[in-house]
C-alpha atoms as a PDB file:
ATOM      1  CA  MET A   1     -98.946 -24.295  37.241  1.00  0.00           C
ATOM      2  CA  THR A   2     -99.454 -27.176  34.859  1.00  0.00           C
ATOM      3  CA  GLY A   3     -99.211 -30.791  35.965  1.00  0.00           C
ATOM      4  CA  ILE A   4    -100.029 -30.146  39.620  1.00  0.00           C
ATOM      5  CA  HIS A   5    -103.609 -29.876  40.854  1.00  0.00           C
ATOM      6  CA  LEU A   6    -103.109 -30.448  44.568  1.00  0.00           C
ATOM      7  CA  ALA A   7    -102.043 -28.089  47.321  1.00  0.00           C
ATOM      8  CA  ILE A   8    -101.034 -29.361  50.754  1.00  0.00           C
ATOM      9  CA  PHE A   9    -102.107 -27.714  54.016  1.00  0.00           C
ATOM     10  CA  ARG A  10    -100.805 -29.467  57.127  1.00  0.00           C
ATOM     11  CA  GLY A  11    -100.841 -32.834  55.407  1.00  0.00           C
ATOM     12  CA  LYS A  12    -104.329 -32.354  53.921  1.00  0.00           C
ATOM     13  CA  GLN A  13    -104.720 -32.399  50.147  1.00  0.00           C
ATOM     14  CA  ILE A  14    -106.767 -29.604  48.619  1.00  0.00           C
ATOM     15  CA  ARG A  15    -107.725 -29.940  44.975  1.00  0.00           C
ATOM     16  CA  ARG A  16    -107.491 -26.836  42.840  1.00  0.00           C
ATOM     17  CA  ALA A  17    -107.827 -25.740  39.243  1.00  0.00           C
ATOM     18  CA  ILE A  18    -106.738 -22.734  37.218  1.00  0.00           C
ATOM     19  CA  HIS A  19    -109.606 -20.581  35.991  1.00  0.00           C
ATOM     20  CA  HIS A  20    -108.987 -17.181  34.394  1.00  0.00           C
ATOM     21  CA  ASN A  21    -105.349 -17.279  35.489  1.00  0.00           C
ATOM     22  CA  GLU A  22    -106.020 -17.763  39.199  1.00  0.00           C
ATOM     23  CA  TRP A  23    -106.366 -20.712  41.547  1.00  0.00           C
ATOM     24  CA  TRP A  24    -109.827 -21.959  42.475  1.00  0.00           C
ATOM     25  CA  PHE A  25    -109.940 -24.352  45.432  1.00  0.00           C
ATOM     26  CA  SER A  26    -112.330 -27.214  46.202  1.00  0.00           C
ATOM     27  CA  VAL A  27    -114.598 -25.979  49.005  1.00  0.00           C
ATOM     28  CA  VAL A  28    -115.233 -29.448  50.443  1.00  0.00           C
ATOM     29  CA  ASP A  29    -111.468 -30.046  50.608  1.00  0.00           C
ATOM     30  CA  VAL A  30    -111.008 -26.757  52.465  1.00  0.00           C
ATOM     31  CA  ILE A  31    -113.727 -27.795  54.907  1.00  0.00           C
ATOM     32  CA  ALA A  32    -112.091 -31.201  55.389  1.00  0.00           C
ATOM     33  CA  ALA A  33    -108.753 -29.519  56.137  1.00  0.00           C
ATOM     34  CA  LEU A  34    -110.227 -27.086  58.659  1.00  0.00           C
ATOM     35  CA  THR A  35    -112.794 -29.245  60.434  1.00  0.00           C
ATOM     36  CA  ASN A  36    -111.671 -32.868  60.091  1.00  0.00           C
ATOM     37  CA  SER A  37    -115.320 -33.578  59.334  1.00  0.00           C
ATOM     38  CA  VAL A  38    -116.081 -37.188  58.396  1.00  0.00           C
ATOM     39  CA  ASN A  39    -118.534 -35.853  55.804  1.00  0.00           C
ATOM     40  CA  PRO A  40    -117.327 -32.490  54.499  1.00  0.00           C
ATOM     41  CA  ARG A  41    -119.958 -32.459  51.732  1.00  0.00           C
ATOM     42  CA  ASP A  42    -122.742 -32.666  54.301  1.00  0.00           C
ATOM     43  CA  TYR A  43    -120.962 -30.021  56.401  1.00  0.00           C
ATOM     44  CA  TRP A  44    -120.885 -27.688  53.383  1.00  0.00           C
ATOM     45  CA  TYR A  45    -124.546 -28.344  52.588  1.00  0.00           C
ATOM     46  CA  LYS A  46    -125.673 -27.579  56.163  1.00  0.00           C
ATOM     47  CA  MET A  47    -123.321 -24.610  56.438  1.00  0.00           C
ATOM     48  CA  LYS A  48    -124.876 -22.931  53.397  1.00  0.00           C
ATOM     49  CA  ILE A  49    -128.322 -23.303  54.956  1.00  0.00           C
ATOM     50  CA  ARG A  50    -127.147 -21.982  58.343  1.00  0.00           C
ATOM     51  CA  VAL A  51    -125.370 -18.944  56.897  1.00  0.00           C
ATOM     52  CA  LYS A  52    -128.357 -18.123  54.692  1.00  0.00           C
ATOM     53  CA  ASP A  53    -130.714 -18.285  57.697  1.00  0.00           C
ATOM     54  CA  GLU A  54    -128.439 -16.369  60.083  1.00  0.00           C
ATOM     55  CA  ASP A  55    -126.659 -13.843  57.855  1.00  0.00           C
ATOM     56  CA  ARG A  56    -128.866 -13.788  54.765  1.00  0.00           C
ATOM     57  CA  VAL A  57    -125.792 -14.629  52.687  1.00  0.00           C
ATOM     58  CA  GLU A  58    -125.709 -17.148  49.827  1.00  0.00           C
ATOM     59  CA  LEU A  59    -122.275 -18.745  50.084  1.00  0.00           C
ATOM     60  CA  SER A  60    -122.833 -20.399  46.713  1.00  0.00           C
ATOM     61  CA  THR A  61    -122.468 -16.996  45.068  1.00  0.00           C
ATOM     62  CA  PHE A  62    -118.764 -17.130  45.936  1.00  0.00           C
ATOM     63  CA  CYS A  63    -118.388 -20.427  44.097  1.00  0.00           C
ATOM     64  CA  ARG A  64    -118.082 -21.720  40.573  1.00  0.00           C
ATOM     65  CA  GLN A  65    -118.435 -25.361  39.574  1.00  0.00           C
ATOM     66  CA  LEU A  66    -115.245 -26.663  37.975  1.00  0.00           C
ATOM     67  CA  LYS A  67    -114.355 -30.211  36.988  1.00  0.00           C
ATOM     68  CA  LEU A  68    -111.918 -31.786  39.441  1.00  0.00           C
ATOM     69  CA  GLU A  69    -110.675 -35.349  39.673  1.00  0.00           C
ATOM     70  CA  SER A  70    -112.446 -37.386  42.337  1.00  0.00           C
ATOM     71  CA  ALA A  71    -111.471 -40.509  44.280  1.00  0.00           C
ATOM     72  CA  ASP A  72    -112.610 -42.780  41.428  1.00  0.00           C
ATOM     73  CA  GLY A  73    -110.268 -41.056  38.969  1.00  0.00           C
ATOM     74  CA  LYS A  74    -113.131 -39.364  37.116  1.00  0.00           C
ATOM     75  CA  ARG A  75    -113.729 -35.608  36.906  1.00  0.00           C
ATOM     76  CA  TYR A  76    -116.888 -34.122  38.395  1.00  0.00           C
ATOM     77  CA  GLU A  77    -118.368 -30.655  38.735  1.00  0.00           C
ATOM     78  CA  THR A  78    -117.163 -29.436  42.127  1.00  0.00           C
ATOM     79  CA  ASP A  79    -117.905 -26.275  44.110  1.00  0.00           C
ATOM     80  CA  CYS A  80    -114.746 -24.160  43.955  1.00  0.00           C
ATOM     81  CA  ALA A  81    -113.874 -20.674  45.163  1.00  0.00           C
ATOM     82  CA  ASN A  82    -110.973 -18.365  44.403  1.00  0.00           C
ATOM     83  CA  THR A  83    -108.772 -16.949  47.157  1.00  0.00           C
ATOM     84  CA  GLU A  84    -111.173 -14.117  47.956  1.00  0.00           C
ATOM     85  CA  GLY A  85    -114.162 -16.468  47.997  1.00  0.00           C
ATOM     86  CA  VAL A  86    -112.462 -18.978  50.276  1.00  0.00           C
ATOM     87  CA  PHE A  87    -111.580 -16.167  52.683  1.00  0.00           C
ATOM     88  CA  ARG A  88    -115.288 -15.328  52.959  1.00  0.00           C
ATOM     89  CA  ILE A  89    -116.386 -18.937  53.293  1.00  0.00           C
ATOM     90  CA  ILE A  90    -113.980 -19.790  56.119  1.00  0.00           C
ATOM     91  CA  GLN A  91    -115.301 -16.847  58.125  1.00  0.00           C
ATOM     92  CA  SER A  92    -118.273 -19.114  58.794  1.00  0.00           C
ATOM     93  CA  ILE A  93    -116.153 -22.106  59.875  1.00  0.00           C
ATOM     94  CA  PRO A  94    -115.272 -22.149  63.582  1.00  0.00           C
ATOM     95  CA  SER A  95    -111.781 -23.632  63.541  1.00  0.00           C
ATOM     96  CA  PRO A  96    -108.471 -22.881  65.289  1.00  0.00           C
ATOM     97  CA  LYS A  97    -106.830 -23.604  61.931  1.00  0.00           C
ATOM     98  CA  ALA A  98    -108.592 -20.689  60.216  1.00  0.00           C
ATOM     99  CA  GLU A  99    -105.881 -18.080  60.735  1.00  0.00           C
ATOM    100  CA  PRO A 100    -102.905 -20.234  59.657  1.00  0.00           C
ATOM    101  CA  PHE A 101    -105.022 -21.395  56.715  1.00  0.00           C
ATOM    102  CA  LYS A 102    -105.596 -17.773  55.650  1.00  0.00           C
ATOM    103  CA  ARG A 103    -101.854 -17.151  55.653  1.00  0.00           C
ATOM    104  CA  TRP A 104    -101.275 -20.356  53.686  1.00  0.00           C
ATOM    105  CA  LEU A 105    -104.011 -19.439  51.213  1.00  0.00           C
ATOM    106  CA  ALA A 106    -102.588 -15.969  50.620  1.00  0.00           C
ATOM    107  CA  ARG A 107     -99.222 -17.524  49.885  1.00  0.00           C
ATOM    108  CA  VAL A 108    -100.359 -20.216  47.434  1.00  0.00           C
ATOM    109  CA  GLY A 109    -102.715 -17.788  45.730  1.00  0.00           C
ATOM    110  CA  TYR A 110     -99.876 -15.356  45.149  1.00  0.00           C
ATOM    111  CA  GLU A 111     -97.698 -18.166  43.802  1.00  0.00           C
ATOM    112  CA  ARG A 112     -99.940 -18.353  40.741  1.00  0.00           C
ATOM    113  CA  VAL A 113     -99.298 -14.680  39.940  1.00  0.00           C
ATOM    114  CA  GLN A 114     -95.569 -15.281  40.189  1.00  0.00           C
ATOM    115  CA  GLU A 115     -95.764 -18.358  37.978  1.00  0.00           C
ATOM    116  CA  ILE A 116     -97.571 -16.475  35.221  1.00  0.00           C
ATOM    117  CA  GLU A 117     -94.691 -13.987  35.216  1.00  0.00           C
ATOM    118  CA  ASP A 118     -92.007 -16.697  35.484  1.00  0.00           C
ATOM    119  CA  PRO A 119     -93.205 -20.198  34.388  1.00  0.00           C
ATOM    120  CA  GLU A 120     -89.946 -21.797  35.606  1.00  0.00           C
ATOM    121  CA  LEU A 121     -91.111 -21.203  39.180  1.00  0.00           C
ATOM    122  CA  ALA A 122     -93.881 -23.762  38.693  1.00  0.00           C
ATOM    123  CA  THR A 123     -91.336 -26.441  37.813  1.00  0.00           C
ATOM    124  CA  LYS A 124     -89.117 -25.500  40.739  1.00  0.00           C
ATOM    125  CA  ARG A 125     -92.022 -25.644  43.174  1.00  0.00           C
ATOM    126  CA  THR A 126     -93.128 -29.014  41.821  1.00  0.00           C
ATOM    127  CA  ARG A 127     -89.645 -30.410  42.361  1.00  0.00           C
ATOM    128  CA  ALA A 128     -89.528 -28.936  45.863  1.00  0.00           C
ATOM    129  CA  LEU A 129     -92.907 -30.480  46.706  1.00  0.00           C
ATOM    130  CA  TYR A 130     -91.780 -33.965  45.669  1.00  0.00           C
ATOM    131  CA  LYS A 131     -88.484 -33.482  47.501  1.00  0.00           C
ATOM    132  CA  ALA A 132     -90.326 -32.482  50.675  1.00  0.00           C
ATOM    133  CA  LYS A 133     -92.392 -35.659  50.429  1.00  0.00           C
ATOM    134  CA  GLY A 134     -89.197 -37.720  50.425  1.00  0.00           C
ATOM    135  CA  TYR A 135     -88.890 -38.750  46.781  1.00  0.00           C
ATOM    136  CA  SER A 136     -85.376 -39.361  45.428  1.00  0.00           C
ATOM    137  CA  ASP A 137     -83.761 -36.978  42.944  1.00  0.00           C
ATOM    138  CA  ASP A 138     -83.657 -39.714  40.270  1.00  0.00           C
ATOM    139  CA  TRP A 139     -87.377 -40.412  40.684  1.00  0.00           C
ATOM    140  CA  ILE A 140     -88.216 -36.696  40.590  1.00  0.00           C
ATOM    141  CA  GLU A 141     -86.267 -36.317  37.342  1.00  0.00           C
ATOM    142  CA  LYS A 142     -88.323 -39.071  35.702  1.00  0.00           C
ATOM    143  CA  ARG A 143     -91.594 -37.747  37.096  1.00  0.00           C
ATOM    144  CA  MET A 144     -90.891 -34.241  35.815  1.00  0.00           C
ATOM    145  CA  ARG A 145     -89.970 -35.618  32.400  1.00  0.00           C
ATOM    146  CA  GLY A 146     -93.211 -37.599  32.414  1.00  0.00           C
ATOM    147  CA  ILE A 147     -95.188 -34.443  33.179  1.00  0.00           C
ATOM    148  CA  ALA A 148     -93.527 -32.667  30.240  1.00  0.00           C
ATOM    149  CA  ILE A 149     -94.272 -35.579  27.883  1.00  0.00           C
ATOM    150  CA  ARG A 150     -97.882 -35.653  29.068  1.00  0.00           C
ATOM    151  CA  GLU A 151     -98.260 -31.920  28.429  1.00  0.00           C
ATOM    152  CA  GLU A 152     -96.842 -32.286  24.924  1.00  0.00           C
ATOM    153  CA  LEU A 153     -99.416 -34.990  24.199  1.00  0.00           C
ATOM    154  CA  THR A 154    -102.390 -33.021  25.555  1.00  0.00           C
ATOM    155  CA  ASP A 155    -101.221 -29.976  23.598  1.00  0.00           C
ATOM    156  CA  GLU A 156    -101.403 -32.108  20.443  1.00  0.00           C
ATOM    157  CA  TRP A 157    -104.906 -33.254  21.350  1.00  0.00           C
ATOM    158  CA  LYS A 158    -106.014 -29.641  21.837  1.00  0.00           C
ATOM    159  CA  HIS A 159    -105.076 -28.834  18.256  1.00  0.00           C
ATOM    160  CA  ARG A 160    -106.522 -32.012  16.754  1.00  0.00           C
ATOM    161  CA  GLU A 161    -110.249 -31.615  17.415  1.00  0.00           C
ATOM    162  CA  VAL A 162    -110.297 -33.717  20.574  1.00  0.00           C
ATOM    163  CA  GLY A 163    -112.782 -32.617  23.223  1.00  0.00           C
ATOM    164  CA  GLU A 164    -111.263 -32.040  26.652  1.00  0.00           C
ATOM    165  CA  ASP A 165    -111.934 -33.908  29.926  1.00  0.00           C
ATOM    166  CA  ARG A 166    -114.027 -36.938  28.929  1.00  0.00           C
ATOM    167  CA  GLU A 167    -112.268 -37.624  25.602  1.00  0.00           C
ATOM    168  CA  TYR A 168    -108.834 -36.964  27.144  1.00  0.00           C
ATOM    169  CA  ALA A 169    -109.696 -39.505  29.852  1.00  0.00           C
ATOM    170  CA  ILE A 170    -110.759 -42.097  27.268  1.00  0.00           C
ATOM    171  CA  LEU A 171    -107.587 -41.631  25.194  1.00  0.00           C
ATOM    172  CA  THR A 172    -105.423 -41.809  28.320  1.00  0.00           C
ATOM    173  CA  ALA A 173    -107.185 -45.009  29.350  1.00  0.00           C
ATOM    174  CA  GLU A 174    -106.497 -46.544  25.920  1.00  0.00           C
ATOM    175  CA  ILE A 175    -102.764 -45.774  26.207  1.00  0.00           C
ATOM    176  CA  SER A 176    -102.598 -47.156  29.746  1.00  0.00           C
ATOM    177  CA  LYS A 177    -104.571 -50.294  28.847  1.00  0.00           C
ATOM    178  CA  ALA A 178    -102.308 -51.021  25.877  1.00  0.00           C
ATOM    179  CA  THR A 179     -99.169 -50.282  27.906  1.00  0.00           C
ATOM    180  CA  PHE A 180     -99.946 -52.016  31.208  1.00  0.00           C
ATOM    181  CA  GLY A 181    -103.115 -53.999  30.595  1.00  0.00           C
ATOM    182  CA  MET A 182    -104.938 -51.687  33.016  1.00  0.00           C
ATOM    183  CA  THR A 183    -106.808 -48.409  32.761  1.00  0.00           C
ATOM    184  CA  PRO A 184    -105.776 -45.637  35.202  1.00  0.00           C
ATOM    185  CA  SER A 185    -108.724 -46.398  37.512  1.00  0.00           C
ATOM    186  CA  GLU A 186    -107.842 -50.105  37.490  1.00  0.00           C
ATOM    187  CA  TYR A 187    -104.188 -49.227  38.156  1.00  0.00           C
ATOM    188  CA  LYS A 188    -105.186 -47.143  41.183  1.00  0.00           C
ATOM    189  CA  LYS A 189    -107.168 -50.060  42.605  1.00  0.00           C
ATOM    190  CA  PHE A 190    -104.238 -52.371  41.874  1.00  0.00           C
ATOM    191  CA  LYS A 191    -102.011 -50.094  43.969  1.00  0.00           C
ATOM    192  CA  GLY A 192    -104.616 -49.610  46.689  1.00  0.00           C
ATOM    193  CA  LEU A 193    -104.977 -45.866  46.101  1.00  0.00           C
ATOM    194  CA  ALA A 194    -107.968 -43.599  46.563  1.00  0.00           C
ATOM    195  CA  ARG A 195    -107.710 -39.934  45.571  1.00  0.00           C
ATOM    196  CA  GLU A 196    -103.976 -39.914  44.995  1.00  0.00           C
ATOM    197  CA  ASN A 197    -102.436 -39.466  41.555  1.00  0.00           C
ATOM    198  CA  PHE A 198    -101.340 -43.011  40.699  1.00  0.00           C
ATOM    199  CA  ARG A 199     -98.306 -41.778  38.733  1.00  0.00           C
ATOM    200  CA  ASP A 200     -96.930 -40.375  41.990  1.00  0.00           C
ATOM    201  CA  HIS A 201     -96.837 -43.986  43.189  1.00  0.00           C
ATOM    202  CA  MET A 202     -95.118 -45.560  40.197  1.00  0.00           C
ATOM    203  CA  ASP A 203     -91.569 -46.835  40.446  1.00  0.00           C
ATOM    204  CA  ASP A 204     -88.861 -46.030  37.895  1.00  0.00           C
ATOM    205  CA  LEU A 205     -89.817 -48.668  35.318  1.00  0.00           C
ATOM    206  CA  GLU A 206     -93.522 -47.914  35.535  1.00  0.00           C
ATOM    207  CA  LEU A 207     -92.775 -44.237  34.901  1.00  0.00           C
ATOM    208  CA  ILE A 208     -90.488 -45.093  31.979  1.00  0.00           C
ATOM    209  CA  PHE A 209     -93.079 -47.262  30.225  1.00  0.00           C
ATOM    210  CA  SER A 210     -95.789 -44.702  30.925  1.00  0.00           C
ATOM    211  CA  MET A 211     -93.619 -42.058  29.261  1.00  0.00           C
ATOM    212  CA  LEU A 212     -92.891 -44.359  26.330  1.00  0.00           C
ATOM    213  CA  GLY A 213     -96.591 -44.968  25.694  1.00  0.00           C
ATOM    214  CA  GLU A 214     -97.431 -41.269  25.679  1.00  0.00           C
ATOM    215  CA  ALA A 215     -94.335 -40.178  23.753  1.00  0.00           C
ATOM    216  CA  ALA A 216     -95.015 -42.836  21.103  1.00  0.00           C
ATOM    217  CA  THR A 217     -98.640 -41.698  20.875  1.00  0.00           C
ATOM    218  CA  THR A 218     -97.523 -38.102  20.324  1.00  0.00           C
ATOM    219  CA  ARG A 219     -95.156 -39.107  17.529  1.00  0.00           C
ATOM    220  CA  ILE A 220     -97.740 -41.325  15.803  1.00  0.00           C
ATOM    221  CA  THR A 221    -100.389 -38.604  16.155  1.00  0.00           C
ATOM    222  CA  LYS A 222     -98.092 -36.111  14.417  1.00  0.00           C
ATOM    223  CA  ALA A 223     -96.936 -38.562  11.750  1.00  0.00           C
ATOM    224  CA  LYS A 224    -100.482 -39.512  10.805  1.00  0.00           C
ATOM    225  CA  ASN A 225    -101.794 -35.962  11.290  1.00  0.00           C
ATOM    226  CA  ALA A 226    -104.652 -37.484  13.264  1.00  0.00           C
ATOM    227  CA  LYS A 227    -107.830 -35.397  13.350  1.00  0.00           C
ATOM    228  CA  GLY A 228    -110.833 -35.878  15.585  1.00  0.00           C
ATOM    229  CA  PHE A 229    -111.496 -38.389  18.326  1.00  0.00           C
ATOM    230  CA  PRO A 230    -111.591 -41.680  16.318  1.00  0.00           C
ATOM    231  CA  GLN A 231    -108.217 -41.105  14.625  1.00  0.00           C
ATOM    232  CA  ASN A 232    -106.593 -39.956  17.858  1.00  0.00           C
ATOM    233  CA  LYS A 233    -108.013 -42.990  19.651  1.00  0.00           C
ATOM    234  CA  GLN A 234    -106.353 -45.263  17.107  1.00  0.00           C
ATOM    235  CA  ALA A 235    -103.063 -43.395  17.572  1.00  0.00           C
ATOM    236  CA  ALA A 236    -103.394 -43.796  21.334  1.00  0.00           C
ATOM    237  CA  ILE A 237    -103.895 -47.549  21.014  1.00  0.00           C
ATOM    238  CA  GLU A 238    -100.908 -47.852  18.675  1.00  0.00           C
ATOM    239  CA  GLY A 239     -98.665 -45.728  20.909  1.00  0.00           C
ATOM    240  CA  GLY A 240     -99.640 -47.682  23.999  1.00  0.00           C
ATOM    241  CA  THR A 241     -99.122 -50.974  22.155  1.00  0.00           C
ATOM    242  CA  ILE A 242     -95.507 -50.032  21.378  1.00  0.00           C
ATOM    243  CA  ALA A 243     -94.880 -49.518  25.097  1.00  0.00           C
ATOM    244  CA  GLY A 244     -96.870 -52.644  25.954  1.00  0.00           C
ATOM    245  CA  ASN A 245     -94.791 -54.792  23.591  1.00  0.00           C
ATOM    246  CA  ALA A 246     -91.582 -53.424  25.099  1.00  0.00           C
ATOM    247  CA  ARG A 247     -92.904 -54.146  28.589  1.00  0.00           C
ATOM    248  CA  ASN A 248     -93.818 -57.717  27.622  1.00  0.00           C
ATOM    249  CA  GLN A 249     -90.348 -58.328  26.195  1.00  0.00           C
ATOM    250  CA  LEU A 250     -88.679 -57.053  29.358  1.00  0.00           C
ATOM    251  CA  GLU A 251     -90.921 -59.201  31.541  1.00  0.00           C
ATOM    252  CA  GLN A 252     -90.124 -62.298  29.444  1.00  0.00           C
ATOM    253  CA  LYS A 253     -86.371 -61.671  29.574  1.00  0.00           C
ATOM    254  CA  SER A 254     -86.226 -60.713  33.253  1.00  0.00           C
ATOM    255  CA  GLY A 255     -88.916 -63.018  34.601  1.00  0.00           C
ATOM    256  CA  GLN A 256     -90.324 -60.102  36.615  1.00  0.00           C
ATOM    257  CA  LYS A 257     -93.477 -58.027  36.241  1.00  0.00           C
ATOM    258  CA  VAL A 258     -93.109 -54.309  35.568  1.00  0.00           C
ATOM    259  CA  SER A 259     -96.387 -53.284  37.213  1.00  0.00           C
ATOM    260  CA  SER A 260     -96.157 -53.380  40.991  1.00  0.00           C
ATOM    261  CA  SER A 261     -98.908 -53.202  43.594  1.00  0.00           C
ATOM    262  CA  LYS A 262     -96.520 -51.232  45.791  1.00  0.00           C
ATOM    263  CA  ASN A 263     -97.238 -47.558  46.250  1.00  0.00           C
ATOM    264  CA  TYR A 264     -95.130 -44.745  47.657  1.00  0.00           C
ATOM    265  CA  ILE A 265     -97.143 -44.454  50.885  1.00  0.00           C
ATOM    266  CA  LYS A 266     -96.712 -48.118  51.853  1.00  0.00           C
ATOM    267  CA  THR A 267     -93.091 -48.239  50.707  1.00  0.00           C
ATOM    268  CA  HIS A 268     -92.216 -45.052  52.608  1.00  0.00           C
ATOM    269  CA  GLN A 269     -93.951 -46.296  55.748  1.00  0.00           C
ATOM    270  CA  SER A 270     -92.097 -49.617  55.545  1.00  0.00           C
ATOM    271  CA  LEU A 271     -88.742 -47.867  55.213  1.00  0.00           C
ATOM    272  CA  LYS A 272     -89.527 -45.638  58.193  1.00  0.00           C
ATOM    273  CA  PHE A 273     -90.487 -48.701  60.228  1.00  0.00           C
ATOM    274  CA  LEU A 274     -87.233 -50.501  59.352  1.00  0.00           C
ATOM    275  CA  LYS A 275     -85.167 -47.426  60.156  1.00  0.00           C
ATOM    276  CA  GLY A 276     -87.043 -46.866  63.405  1.00  0.00           C
END
């Protein structure tokens, strides 16, 4: 399921990653969803000690550290467990939400198997998720196109001797900085976001210019047959600059800024308030 790394359980976001063709879920996010703990990391730390003392079981053996995006937009090693591992871990969490969570977990875990067999299901589920959150069909169309353009770019990087994670983040930041004058982490602060994906809070024009920057980078990367990090960094700057120049021209002609501090959460809440 490319492009989506969040699952939603009763309004709580649970980060996940694909490892060996199955979903692995952030343990601290699972704990936050089940316990409403103000410090799920501390809860997890103390829980491991308690279970080891009481049951002589090392819960860490059910986990693997995978890199997941954190609130600051950076990726850190995070304790994750697959469906079977999470089932074992939540046995030690006293929560009335445990049973419905197990049913939810079985469902989303099985979704991955289906998606491997039929990749179109991933796209359909992504659309359905955005629709359920209240996004318009026009916005969803642009967002899905942006996801496809992003995947095409990262596929190019994979084949051009660019290291994943850290180098991807640097190249992405260069495109964003050249396009909008802000890195992704700066853009998130500008919009007042924490853990959320800032692209999910862009309006139509922001999405369009974001797509232009990445699509231009992909084309330049191919045209120059860029190899290695330095050459791909230069292509990223040039691709982002094309989008940035177009943005500047539009702002000069229209007298309005493209980048907006508005985010979907605030906008949606305001609309609900006006309707109510």
